[in-house]
């Protein structure tokens, strides 16, 4: 159910009311009893949070929609620049120390 903000034009009394959309608009002020209680126009006060909702979605930016940020620099291994893929959920195995082939 939405929360509507009301304010009295006569006494200035303000109140937030939890109402169904189908409920009638309130007109009588609970503070002064006059029929000058009016619904205010307010901005939506919610944010989509949690898994699947990201601030960068629908903003036209180049951020990935998966919510993961790319690493600042891609580490390279000693085998000529090849690196392991970081897209799997399992942790990457530790690299073995490079053997010196000059002996």
PDB file of N, CA and C in Angstrom:
ATOM      1  N   UNK A   1       0.841  -1.181   0.000  1.00  0.00           N
ATOM      2  CA  UNK A   1       0.000   0.000   0.000  1.00  0.00           C
ATOM      3  C   UNK A   1       0.884   1.242   0.000  1.00  0.00           C
ATOM      4  N   UNK A   2       0.514   2.224  -0.788  1.00  0.00           N
ATOM      5  CA  UNK A   2       1.308   3.452  -0.833  1.00  0.00           C
ATOM      6  C   UNK A   2       1.084   4.340   0.385  1.00  0.00           C
ATOM      7  N   UNK A   3       2.054   5.175   0.639  1.00  0.00           N
ATOM      8  CA  UNK A   3       1.965   6.158   1.714  1.00  0.00           C
ATOM      9  C   UNK A   3       1.781   7.522   1.065  1.00  0.00           C
ATOM     10  N   UNK A   4       0.716   8.222   1.439  1.00  0.00           N
ATOM     11  CA  UNK A   4       0.420   9.535   0.887  1.00  0.00           C
ATOM     12  C   UNK A   4       0.690  10.602   1.929  1.00  0.00           C
ATOM     13  N   UNK A   5       1.223  11.729   1.491  1.00  0.00           N
ATOM     14  CA  UNK A   5       1.482  12.861   2.371  1.00  0.00           C
ATOM     15  C   UNK A   5       0.319  13.844   2.254  1.00  0.00           C
ATOM     16  N   UNK A   6      -0.233  14.238   3.399  1.00  0.00           N
ATOM     17  CA  UNK A   6      -1.326  15.203   3.444  1.00  0.00           C
ATOM     18  C   UNK A   6      -0.871  16.420   4.244  1.00  0.00           C
ATOM     19  N   UNK A   7      -1.467  17.569   3.924  1.00  0.00           N
ATOM     20  CA  UNK A   7      -1.174  18.806   4.660  1.00  0.00           C
ATOM     21  C   UNK A   7      -2.428  19.678   4.674  1.00  0.00           C
ATOM     22  N   UNK A   8      -2.681  20.294   5.820  1.00  0.00           N
ATOM     23  CA  UNK A   8      -3.833  21.182   5.982  1.00  0.00           C
ATOM     24  C   UNK A   8      -3.433  22.597   5.563  1.00  0.00           C
ATOM     25  N   UNK A   9      -4.255  23.205   4.699  1.00  0.00           N
ATOM     26  CA  UNK A   9      -3.981  24.581   4.263  1.00  0.00           C
ATOM     27  C   UNK A   9      -4.288  25.606   5.352  1.00  0.00           C
ATOM     28  N   UNK A  10      -5.157  25.266   6.280  1.00  0.00           N
ATOM     29  CA  UNK A  10      -5.562  26.196   7.339  1.00  0.00           C
ATOM     30  C   UNK A  10      -4.568  26.245   8.500  1.00  0.00           C
ATOM     31  N   UNK A  11      -4.268  25.088   9.089  1.00  0.00           N
ATOM     32  CA  UNK A  11      -3.421  25.067  10.291  1.00  0.00           C
ATOM     33  C   UNK A  11      -1.988  24.590  10.023  1.00  0.00           C
ATOM     34  N   UNK A  12      -1.727  24.013   8.847  1.00  0.00           N
ATOM     35  CA  UNK A  12      -0.380  23.563   8.513  1.00  0.00           C
ATOM     36  C   UNK A  12      -0.044  22.169   9.012  1.00  0.00           C
ATOM     37  N   UNK A  13      -1.014  21.477   9.600  1.00  0.00           N
ATOM     38  CA  UNK A  13      -0.797  20.123  10.099  1.00  0.00           C
ATOM     39  C   UNK A  13      -0.454  19.198   8.926  1.00  0.00           C
ATOM     40  N   UNK A  14       0.585  18.376   9.092  1.00  0.00           N
ATOM     41  CA  UNK A  14       1.012  17.457   8.032  1.00  0.00           C
ATOM     42  C   UNK A  14       1.034  16.037   8.584  1.00  0.00           C
ATOM     43  N   UNK A  15       0.655  15.089   7.738  1.00  0.00           N
ATOM     44  CA  UNK A  15       0.612  13.696   8.169  1.00  0.00           C
ATOM     45  C   UNK A  15       0.803  12.789   6.961  1.00  0.00           C
ATOM     46  N   UNK A  16       1.551  11.703   7.151  1.00  0.00           N
ATOM     47  CA  UNK A  16       1.692  10.658   6.143  1.00  0.00           C
ATOM     48  C   UNK A  16       0.680   9.567   6.463  1.00  0.00           C
ATOM     49  N   UNK A  17      -0.091   9.155   5.448  1.00  0.00           N
ATOM     50  CA  UNK A  17      -1.170   8.205   5.657  1.00  0.00           C
ATOM     51  C   UNK A  17      -0.966   7.000   4.747  1.00  0.00           C
ATOM     52  N   UNK A  18      -1.045   5.801   5.334  1.00  0.00           N
ATOM     53  CA  UNK A  18      -0.967   4.558   4.582  1.00  0.00           C
ATOM     54  C   UNK A  18      -2.376   4.231   4.098  1.00  0.00           C
ATOM     55  N   UNK A  19      -2.573   4.274   2.771  1.00  0.00           N
ATOM     56  CA  UNK A  19      -3.898   4.069   2.201  1.00  0.00           C
ATOM     57  C   UNK A  19      -3.823   3.153   0.986  1.00  0.00           C
ATOM     58  N   UNK A  20      -4.936   2.487   0.718  1.00  0.00           N
ATOM     59  CA  UNK A  20      -5.075   1.761  -0.534  1.00  0.00           C
ATOM     60  C   UNK A  20      -5.277   2.783  -1.653  1.00  0.00           C
ATOM     61  N   UNK A  21      -4.971   2.393  -2.866  1.00  0.00           N
ATOM     62  CA  UNK A  21      -5.193   3.287  -3.992  1.00  0.00           C
ATOM     63  C   UNK A  21      -6.684   3.572  -4.167  1.00  0.00           C
ATOM     64  N   UNK A  22      -7.512   2.583  -3.836  1.00  0.00           N
ATOM     65  CA  UNK A  22      -8.956   2.731  -4.002  1.00  0.00           C
ATOM     66  C   UNK A  22      -9.628   3.500  -2.853  1.00  0.00           C
ATOM     67  N   UNK A  23      -8.908   3.786  -1.772  1.00  0.00           N
ATOM     68  CA  UNK A  23      -9.496   4.534  -0.651  1.00  0.00           C
ATOM     69  C   UNK A  23      -9.791   5.977  -1.071  1.00  0.00           C
ATOM     70  N   UNK A  24     -10.846   6.579  -0.510  1.00  0.00           N
ATOM     71  CA  UNK A  24     -11.156   7.975  -0.858  1.00  0.00           C
ATOM     72  C   UNK A  24     -10.095   8.923  -0.289  1.00  0.00           C
ATOM     73  N   UNK A  25      -9.923  10.050  -0.975  1.00  0.00           N
ATOM     74  CA  UNK A  25      -8.973  11.070  -0.543  1.00  0.00           C
ATOM     75  C   UNK A  25      -9.486  11.713   0.741  1.00  0.00           C
ATOM     76  N   UNK A  26      -8.599  11.904   1.720  1.00  0.00           N
ATOM     77  CA  UNK A  26      -8.983  12.546   2.986  1.00  0.00           C
ATOM     78  C   UNK A  26      -9.133  14.046   2.759  1.00  0.00           C
ATOM     79  N   UNK A  27     -10.153  14.645   3.344  1.00  0.00           N
ATOM     80  CA  UNK A  27     -10.368  16.082   3.182  1.00  0.00           C
ATOM     81  C   UNK A  27     -10.483  16.818   4.515  1.00  0.00           C
ATOM     82  N   UNK A  28     -10.844  16.122   5.591  1.00  0.00           N
ATOM     83  CA  UNK A  28     -11.022  16.759   6.895  1.00  0.00           C
ATOM     84  C   UNK A  28      -9.734  16.627   7.701  1.00  0.00           C
ATOM     85  N   UNK A  29      -9.223  17.751   8.160  1.00  0.00           N
ATOM     86  CA  UNK A  29      -7.978  17.775   8.943  1.00  0.00           C
ATOM     87  C   UNK A  29      -8.224  17.176  10.323  1.00  0.00           C
ATOM     88  N   UNK A  30      -7.396  16.198  10.750  1.00  0.00           N
ATOM     89  CA  UNK A  30      -7.576  15.614  12.083  1.00  0.00           C
ATOM     90  C   UNK A  30      -7.188  16.572  13.213  1.00  0.00           C
ATOM     91  N   UNK A  31      -6.456  17.632  12.903  1.00  0.00           N
ATOM     92  CA  UNK A  31      -6.018  18.569  13.927  1.00  0.00           C
ATOM     93  C   UNK A  31      -7.043  19.683  14.178  1.00  0.00           C
ATOM     94  N   UNK A  32      -7.471  20.362  13.098  1.00  0.00           N
ATOM     95  CA  UNK A  32      -8.383  21.498  13.279  1.00  0.00           C
ATOM     96  C   UNK A  32      -9.820  21.192  12.874  1.00  0.00           C
ATOM     97  N   UNK A  33     -10.053  20.076  12.180  1.00  0.00           N
ATOM     98  CA  UNK A  33     -11.405  19.680  11.811  1.00  0.00           C
ATOM     99  C   UNK A  33     -11.963  20.357  10.573  1.00  0.00           C
ATOM    100  N   UNK A  34     -11.191  21.236   9.937  1.00  0.00           N
ATOM    101  CA  UNK A  34     -11.674  21.927   8.742  1.00  0.00           C
ATOM    102  C   UNK A  34     -11.439  21.053   7.501  1.00  0.00           C
ATOM    103  N   UNK A  35     -12.183  21.333   6.450  1.00  0.00           N
ATOM    104  CA  UNK A  35     -12.067  20.521   5.231  1.00  0.00           C
ATOM    105  C   UNK A  35     -11.035  21.104   4.261  1.00  0.00           C
ATOM    106  N   UNK A  36      -9.857  21.328   4.758  1.00  0.00           N
ATOM    107  CA  UNK A  36      -8.772  21.863   3.925  1.00  0.00           C
ATOM    108  C   UNK A  36      -7.553  20.937   3.932  1.00  0.00           C
ATOM    109  N   UNK A  37      -7.772  19.657   4.196  1.00  0.00           N
ATOM    110  CA  UNK A  37      -6.716  18.639   4.212  1.00  0.00           C
ATOM    111  C   UNK A  37      -6.521  18.174   2.781  1.00  0.00           C
ATOM    112  N   UNK A  38      -5.337  18.368   2.230  1.00  0.00           N
ATOM    113  CA  UNK A  38      -5.089  18.050   0.823  1.00  0.00           C
ATOM    114  C   UNK A  38      -3.892  17.119   0.667  1.00  0.00           C
ATOM    115  N   UNK A  39      -3.977  16.276  -0.353  1.00  0.00           N
ATOM    116  CA  UNK A  39      -2.884  15.351  -0.673  1.00  0.00           C
ATOM    117  C   UNK A  39      -1.758  16.131  -1.347  1.00  0.00           C
ATOM    118  N   UNK A  40      -0.536  15.885  -0.908  1.00  0.00           N
ATOM    119  CA  UNK A  40       0.632  16.557  -1.460  1.00  0.00           C
ATOM    120  C   UNK A  40       1.244  15.722  -2.581  1.00  0.00           C
ATOM    121  N   UNK A  41       1.917  16.381  -3.493  1.00  0.00           N
ATOM    122  CA  UNK A  41       2.668  15.689  -4.539  1.00  0.00           C
ATOM    123  C   UNK A  41       4.077  15.476  -4.002  1.00  0.00           C
ATOM    124  N   UNK A  42       4.489  14.226  -3.924  1.00  0.00           N
ATOM    125  CA  UNK A  42       5.810  13.911  -3.386  1.00  0.00           C
ATOM    126  C   UNK A  42       6.552  12.994  -4.348  1.00  0.00           C
ATOM    127  N   UNK A  43       7.863  12.951  -4.198  1.00  0.00           N
ATOM    128  CA  UNK A  43       8.697  12.063  -5.004  1.00  0.00           C
ATOM    129  C   UNK A  43       8.670  10.664  -4.403  1.00  0.00           C
ATOM    130  N   UNK A  44       8.856   9.678  -5.244  1.00  0.00           N
ATOM    131  CA  UNK A  44       8.918   8.297  -4.760  1.00  0.00           C
ATOM    132  C   UNK A  44      10.154   8.147  -3.881  1.00  0.00           C
ATOM    133  N   UNK A  45       9.979   7.569  -2.720  1.00  0.00           N
ATOM    134  CA  UNK A  45      11.090   7.430  -1.783  1.00  0.00           C
ATOM    135  C   UNK A  45      11.555   6.008  -1.642  1.00  0.00           C
ATOM    136  N   UNK A  46      11.955   5.377  -2.744  1.00  0.00           N
ATOM    137  CA  UNK A  46      12.447   4.014  -2.649  1.00  0.00           C
ATOM    138  C   UNK A  46      13.622   3.818  -3.592  1.00  0.00           C
ATOM    139  N   UNK A  47      14.419   2.838  -3.284  1.00  0.00           N
ATOM    140  CA  UNK A  47      15.526   2.435  -4.137  1.00  0.00           C
ATOM    141  C   UNK A  47      15.463   0.936  -4.284  1.00  0.00           C
ATOM    142  N   UNK A  48      15.817   0.463  -5.452  1.00  0.00           N
ATOM    143  CA  UNK A  48      15.852  -0.972  -5.685  1.00  0.00           C
ATOM    144  C   UNK A  48      17.216  -1.479  -5.226  1.00  0.00           C
ATOM    145  N   UNK A  49      17.216  -2.347  -4.229  1.00  0.00           N
ATOM    146  CA  UNK A  49      18.455  -2.870  -3.676  1.00  0.00           C
ATOM    147  C   UNK A  49      18.379  -4.381  -3.630  1.00  0.00           C
ATOM    148  N   UNK A  50      19.522  -5.000  -3.521  1.00  0.00           N
ATOM    149  CA  UNK A  50      19.572  -6.446  -3.399  1.00  0.00           C
ATOM    150  C   UNK A  50      20.136  -7.088  -4.658  1.00  0.00           C
ATOM    151  N   UNK A  51      20.125  -8.381  -4.667  1.00  0.00           N
ATOM    152  CA  UNK A  51      20.668  -9.126  -5.782  1.00  0.00           C
ATOM    153  C   UNK A  51      19.885  -8.814  -7.047  1.00  0.00           C
ATOM    154  N   UNK A  52      20.585  -8.424  -8.097  1.00  0.00           N
ATOM    155  CA  UNK A  52      19.959  -8.149  -9.369  1.00  0.00           C
ATOM    156  C   UNK A  52      19.666  -6.684  -9.632  1.00  0.00           C
ATOM    157  N   UNK A  53      19.789  -5.808  -8.647  1.00  0.00           N
ATOM    158  CA  UNK A  53      19.534  -4.386  -8.840  1.00  0.00           C
ATOM    159  C   UNK A  53      20.821  -3.621  -8.571  1.00  0.00           C
ATOM    160  N   UNK A  54      21.229  -2.825  -9.523  1.00  0.00           N
ATOM    161  CA  UNK A  54      22.462  -2.072  -9.390  1.00  0.00           C
ATOM    162  C   UNK A  54      22.230  -0.627  -9.785  1.00  0.00           C
ATOM    163  N   UNK A  55      22.968   0.273  -9.170  1.00  0.00           N
ATOM    164  CA  UNK A  55      22.834   1.700  -9.441  1.00  0.00           C
ATOM    165  C   UNK A  55      23.156   2.003 -10.892  1.00  0.00           C
ATOM    166  N   UNK A  56      24.075   1.260 -11.492  1.00  0.00           N
ATOM    167  CA  UNK A  56      24.503   1.543 -12.860  1.00  0.00           C
ATOM    168  C   UNK A  56      23.539   1.012 -13.915  1.00  0.00           C
ATOM    169  N   UNK A  57      22.565   0.192 -13.551  1.00  0.00           N
ATOM    170  CA  UNK A  57      21.598  -0.304 -14.523  1.00  0.00           C
ATOM    171  C   UNK A  57      20.772   0.848 -15.079  1.00  0.00           C
ATOM    172  N   UNK A  58      20.551   0.833 -16.364  1.00  0.00           N
ATOM    173  CA  UNK A  58      19.700   1.787 -17.074  1.00  0.00           C
ATOM    174  C   UNK A  58      20.225   3.215 -17.046  1.00  0.00           C
ATOM    175  N   UNK A  59      21.481   3.415 -16.785  1.00  0.00           N
ATOM    176  CA  UNK A  59      22.042   4.764 -16.826  1.00  0.00           C
ATOM    177  C   UNK A  59      22.829   5.021 -18.100  1.00  0.00           C
ATOM    178  N   UNK A  60      22.983   4.013 -18.928  1.00  0.00           N
ATOM    179  CA  UNK A  60      23.689   4.202 -20.182  1.00  0.00           C
ATOM    180  C   UNK A  60      25.201   4.177 -20.033  1.00  0.00           C
ATOM    181  N   UNK A  61      25.702   3.818 -18.874  1.00  0.00           N
ATOM    182  CA  UNK A  61      27.141   3.752 -18.659  1.00  0.00           C
ATOM    183  C   UNK A  61      27.714   2.465 -19.206  1.00  0.00           C
ATOM    184  N   UNK A  62      29.001   2.317 -19.089  1.00  0.00           N
ATOM    185  CA  UNK A  62      29.663   1.129 -19.605  1.00  0.00           C
ATOM    186  C   UNK A  62      29.922   0.088 -18.520  1.00  0.00           C
ATOM    187  N   UNK A  63      29.349   0.274 -17.336  1.00  0.00           N
ATOM    188  CA  UNK A  63      29.548  -0.693 -16.256  1.00  0.00           C
ATOM    189  C   UNK A  63      28.815  -1.985 -16.590  1.00  0.00           C
ATOM    190  N   UNK A  64      29.376  -3.132 -16.223  1.00  0.00           N
ATOM    191  CA  UNK A  64      28.713  -4.398 -16.529  1.00  0.00           C
ATOM    192  C   UNK A  64      27.427  -4.557 -15.737  1.00  0.00           C
ATOM    193  N   UNK A  65      26.464  -5.209 -16.337  1.00  0.00           N
ATOM    194  CA  UNK A  65      25.167  -5.400 -15.683  1.00  0.00           C
ATOM    195  C   UNK A  65      25.202  -6.511 -14.649  1.00  0.00           C
ATOM    196  N   UNK A  66      26.281  -7.276 -14.590  1.00  0.00           N
ATOM    197  CA  UNK A  66      26.359  -8.378 -13.640  1.00  0.00           C
ATOM    198  C   UNK A  66      26.711  -7.907 -12.246  1.00  0.00           C
ATOM    199  N   UNK A  67      27.115  -6.666 -12.098  1.00  0.00           N
ATOM    200  CA  UNK A  67      27.430  -6.141 -10.785  1.00  0.00           C
ATOM    201  C   UNK A  67      28.875  -6.340 -10.371  1.00  0.00           C
ATOM    202  N   UNK A  68      29.636  -7.068 -11.175  1.00  0.00           N
ATOM    203  CA  UNK A  68      31.040  -7.257 -10.846  1.00  0.00           C
ATOM    204  C   UNK A  68      31.838  -6.200 -11.567  1.00  0.00           C
ATOM    205  N   UNK A  69      32.864  -5.721 -10.921  1.00  0.00           N
ATOM    206  CA  UNK A  69      33.718  -4.735 -11.551  1.00  0.00           C
ATOM    207  C   UNK A  69      34.964  -5.422 -12.060  1.00  0.00           C
ATOM    208  N   UNK A  70      35.439  -5.048 -13.245  1.00  0.00           N
ATOM    209  CA  UNK A  70      36.636  -5.676 -13.776  1.00  0.00           C
ATOM    210  C   UNK A  70      37.846  -5.281 -12.939  1.00  0.00           C
ATOM    211  N   UNK A  71      38.848  -6.167 -12.857  1.00  0.00           N
ATOM    212  CA  UNK A  71      40.045  -5.832 -12.079  1.00  0.00           C
ATOM    213  C   UNK A  71      40.778  -4.660 -12.724  1.00  0.00           C
ATOM    214  N   UNK A  72      41.501  -3.903 -11.902  1.00  0.00           N
ATOM    215  CA  UNK A  72      42.217  -2.728 -12.390  1.00  0.00           C
ATOM    216  C   UNK A  72      43.295  -3.118 -13.386  1.00  0.00           C
ATOM    217  N   UNK A  73      43.991  -4.193 -13.130  1.00  0.00           N
ATOM    218  CA  UNK A  73      44.987  -4.690 -14.071  1.00  0.00           C
ATOM    219  C   UNK A  73      44.909  -6.203 -14.083  1.00  0.00           C
ATOM    220  N   UNK A  74      45.116  -6.782 -15.258  1.00  0.00           N
ATOM    221  CA  UNK A  74      45.062  -8.223 -15.390  1.00  0.00           C
ATOM    222  C   UNK A  74      46.451  -8.787 -15.095  1.00  0.00           C
ATOM    223  N   UNK A  75      46.574  -9.636 -14.079  1.00  0.00           N
ATOM    224  CA  UNK A  75      47.887 -10.208 -13.777  1.00  0.00           C
ATOM    225  C   UNK A  75      48.279 -11.202 -14.870  1.00  0.00           C
ATOM    226  N   UNK A  76      49.546 -11.217 -15.184  1.00  0.00           N
ATOM    227  CA  UNK A  76      50.048 -12.147 -16.190  1.00  0.00           C
ATOM    228  C   UNK A  76      50.945 -13.168 -15.513  1.00  0.00           C
ATOM    229  N   UNK A  77      50.966 -14.353 -16.062  1.00  0.00           N
ATOM    230  CA  UNK A  77      51.829 -15.400 -15.503  1.00  0.00           C
ATOM    231  C   UNK A  77      53.154 -15.405 -16.246  1.00  0.00           C
ATOM    232  N   UNK A  78      54.059 -16.240 -15.819  1.00  0.00           N
ATOM    233  CA  UNK A  78      55.392 -16.276 -16.414  1.00  0.00           C
ATOM    234  C   UNK A  78      55.435 -17.084 -17.698  1.00  0.00           C
ATOM    235  N   UNK A  79      54.290 -17.577 -18.192  1.00  0.00           N
ATOM    236  CA  UNK A  79      54.304 -18.396 -19.400  1.00  0.00           C
ATOM    237  C   UNK A  79      53.981 -17.591 -20.655  1.00  0.00           C
ATOM    238  N   UNK A  80      54.375 -16.343 -20.706  1.00  0.00           N
ATOM    239  CA  UNK A  80      54.241 -15.564 -21.913  1.00  0.00           C
ATOM    240  C   UNK A  80      53.002 -14.692 -21.948  1.00  0.00           C
ATOM    241  N   UNK A  81      52.392 -14.418 -20.832  1.00  0.00           N
ATOM    242  CA  UNK A  81      51.290 -13.475 -20.807  1.00  0.00           C
ATOM    243  C   UNK A  81      49.925 -14.118 -20.717  1.00  0.00           C
ATOM    244  N   UNK A  82      49.823 -15.440 -20.746  1.00  0.00           N
ATOM    245  CA  UNK A  82      48.519 -16.082 -20.621  1.00  0.00           C
ATOM    246  C   UNK A  82      48.057 -16.003 -19.174  1.00  0.00           C
ATOM    247  N   UNK A  83      46.801 -15.803 -18.980  1.00  0.00           N
ATOM    248  CA  UNK A  83      46.281 -15.763 -17.619  1.00  0.00           C
ATOM    249  C   UNK A  83      45.069 -16.665 -17.529  1.00  0.00           C
ATOM    250  N   UNK A  84      44.717 -17.031 -16.310  1.00  0.00           N
ATOM    251  CA  UNK A  84      43.572 -17.903 -16.112  1.00  0.00           C
ATOM    252  C   UNK A  84      42.306 -17.072 -16.138  1.00  0.00           C
ATOM    253  N   UNK A  85      41.204 -17.692 -16.478  1.00  0.00           N
ATOM    254  CA  UNK A  85      39.919 -17.005 -16.530  1.00  0.00           C
ATOM    255  C   UNK A  85      39.370 -16.851 -15.127  1.00  0.00           C
ATOM    256  N   UNK A  86      38.872 -15.655 -14.812  1.00  0.00           N
ATOM    257  CA  UNK A  86      38.326 -15.379 -13.486  1.00  0.00           C
ATOM    258  C   UNK A  86      36.804 -15.484 -13.487  1.00  0.00           C
ATOM    259  N   UNK A  87      36.221 -16.018 -14.564  1.00  0.00           N
ATOM    260  CA  UNK A  87      34.769 -16.041 -14.644  1.00  0.00           C
ATOM    261  C   UNK A  87      34.144 -17.229 -13.927  1.00  0.00           C
ATOM    262  N   UNK A  88      34.912 -18.243 -13.577  1.00  0.00           N
ATOM    263  CA  UNK A  88      34.338 -19.391 -12.882  1.00  0.00           C
ATOM    264  C   UNK A  88      34.156 -19.076 -11.408  1.00  0.00           C
ATOM    265  N   UNK A  89      33.245 -19.807 -10.776  1.00  0.00           N
ATOM    266  CA  UNK A  89      32.982 -19.581  -9.365  1.00  0.00           C
ATOM    267  C   UNK A  89      34.042 -20.214  -8.468  1.00  0.00           C
ATOM    268  N   UNK A  90      34.742 -21.218  -8.968  1.00  0.00           N
ATOM    269  CA  UNK A  90      35.761 -21.902  -8.175  1.00  0.00           C
ATOM    270  C   UNK A  90      37.017 -21.051  -8.134  1.00  0.00           C
ATOM    271  N   UNK A  91      37.745 -21.056  -7.013  1.00  0.00           N
ATOM    272  CA  UNK A  91      38.987 -20.289  -6.947  1.00  0.00           C
ATOM    273  C   UNK A  91      40.042 -20.890  -7.867  1.00  0.00           C
ATOM    274  N   UNK A  92      40.864 -20.029  -8.426  1.00  0.00           N
ATOM    275  CA  UNK A  92      41.919 -20.475  -9.326  1.00  0.00           C
ATOM    276  C   UNK A  92      43.008 -21.189  -8.521  1.00  0.00           C
ATOM    277  N   UNK A  93      43.578 -22.289  -9.062  1.00  0.00           N
ATOM    278  CA  UNK A  93      44.647 -22.978  -8.332  1.00  0.00           C
ATOM    279  C   UNK A  93      45.903 -22.108  -8.283  1.00  0.00           C
ATOM    280  N   UNK A  94      46.681 -22.306  -7.256  1.00  0.00           N
ATOM    281  CA  UNK A  94      47.920 -21.550  -7.109  1.00  0.00           C
ATOM    282  C   UNK A  94      48.917 -21.990  -8.174  1.00  0.00           C
ATOM    283  N   UNK A  95      49.610 -21.034  -8.759  1.00  0.00           N
ATOM    284  CA  UNK A  95      50.575 -21.338  -9.815  1.00  0.00           C
ATOM    285  C   UNK A  95      51.843 -21.935  -9.205  1.00  0.00           C
ATOM    286  N   UNK A  96      52.379 -22.933  -9.881  1.00  0.00           N
ATOM    287  CA  UNK A  96      53.633 -23.545  -9.431  1.00  0.00           C
ATOM    288  C   UNK A  96      54.778 -22.612  -9.756  1.00  0.00           C
ATOM    289  N   UNK A  97      55.840 -22.621  -8.952  1.00  0.00           N
ATOM    290  CA  UNK A  97      56.979 -21.753  -9.249  1.00  0.00           C
ATOM    291  C   UNK A  97      57.617 -22.149 -10.576  1.00  0.00           C
ATOM    292  N   UNK A  98      58.059 -21.156 -11.323  1.00  0.00           N
ATOM    293  CA  UNK A  98      58.669 -21.396 -12.632  1.00  0.00           C
ATOM    294  C   UNK A  98      60.044 -22.060 -12.442  1.00  0.00           C
ATOM    295  N   UNK A  99      60.333 -23.073 -13.300  1.00  0.00           N
ATOM    296  CA  UNK A  99      61.629 -23.736 -13.258  1.00  0.00           C
ATOM    297  C   UNK A  99      62.594 -22.994 -14.166  1.00  0.00           C
ATOM    298  N   UNK A 100      63.827 -22.948 -13.722  1.00  0.00           N
ATOM    299  CA  UNK A 100      64.858 -22.296 -14.511  1.00  0.00           C
ATOM    300  C   UNK A 100      65.365 -23.280 -15.552  1.00  0.00           C
ATOM    301  N   UNK A 101      65.178 -23.017 -16.839  1.00  0.00           N
ATOM    302  CA  UNK A 101      65.558 -23.945 -17.898  1.00  0.00           C
ATOM    303  C   UNK A 101      66.981 -23.708 -18.372  1.00  0.00           C
ATOM    304  N   UNK A 102      67.726 -22.812 -17.772  1.00  0.00           N
ATOM    305  CA  UNK A 102      69.075 -22.516 -18.234  1.00  0.00           C
ATOM    306  C   UNK A 102      70.121 -23.479 -17.660  1.00  0.00           C
ATOM    307  N   UNK A 103      69.816 -24.374 -16.734  1.00  0.00           N
ATOM    308  CA  UNK A 103      70.804 -25.279 -16.160  1.00  0.00           C
ATOM    309  C   UNK A 103      70.777 -26.628 -16.747  1.00  0.00           C
TER     310      UNK A 103
END
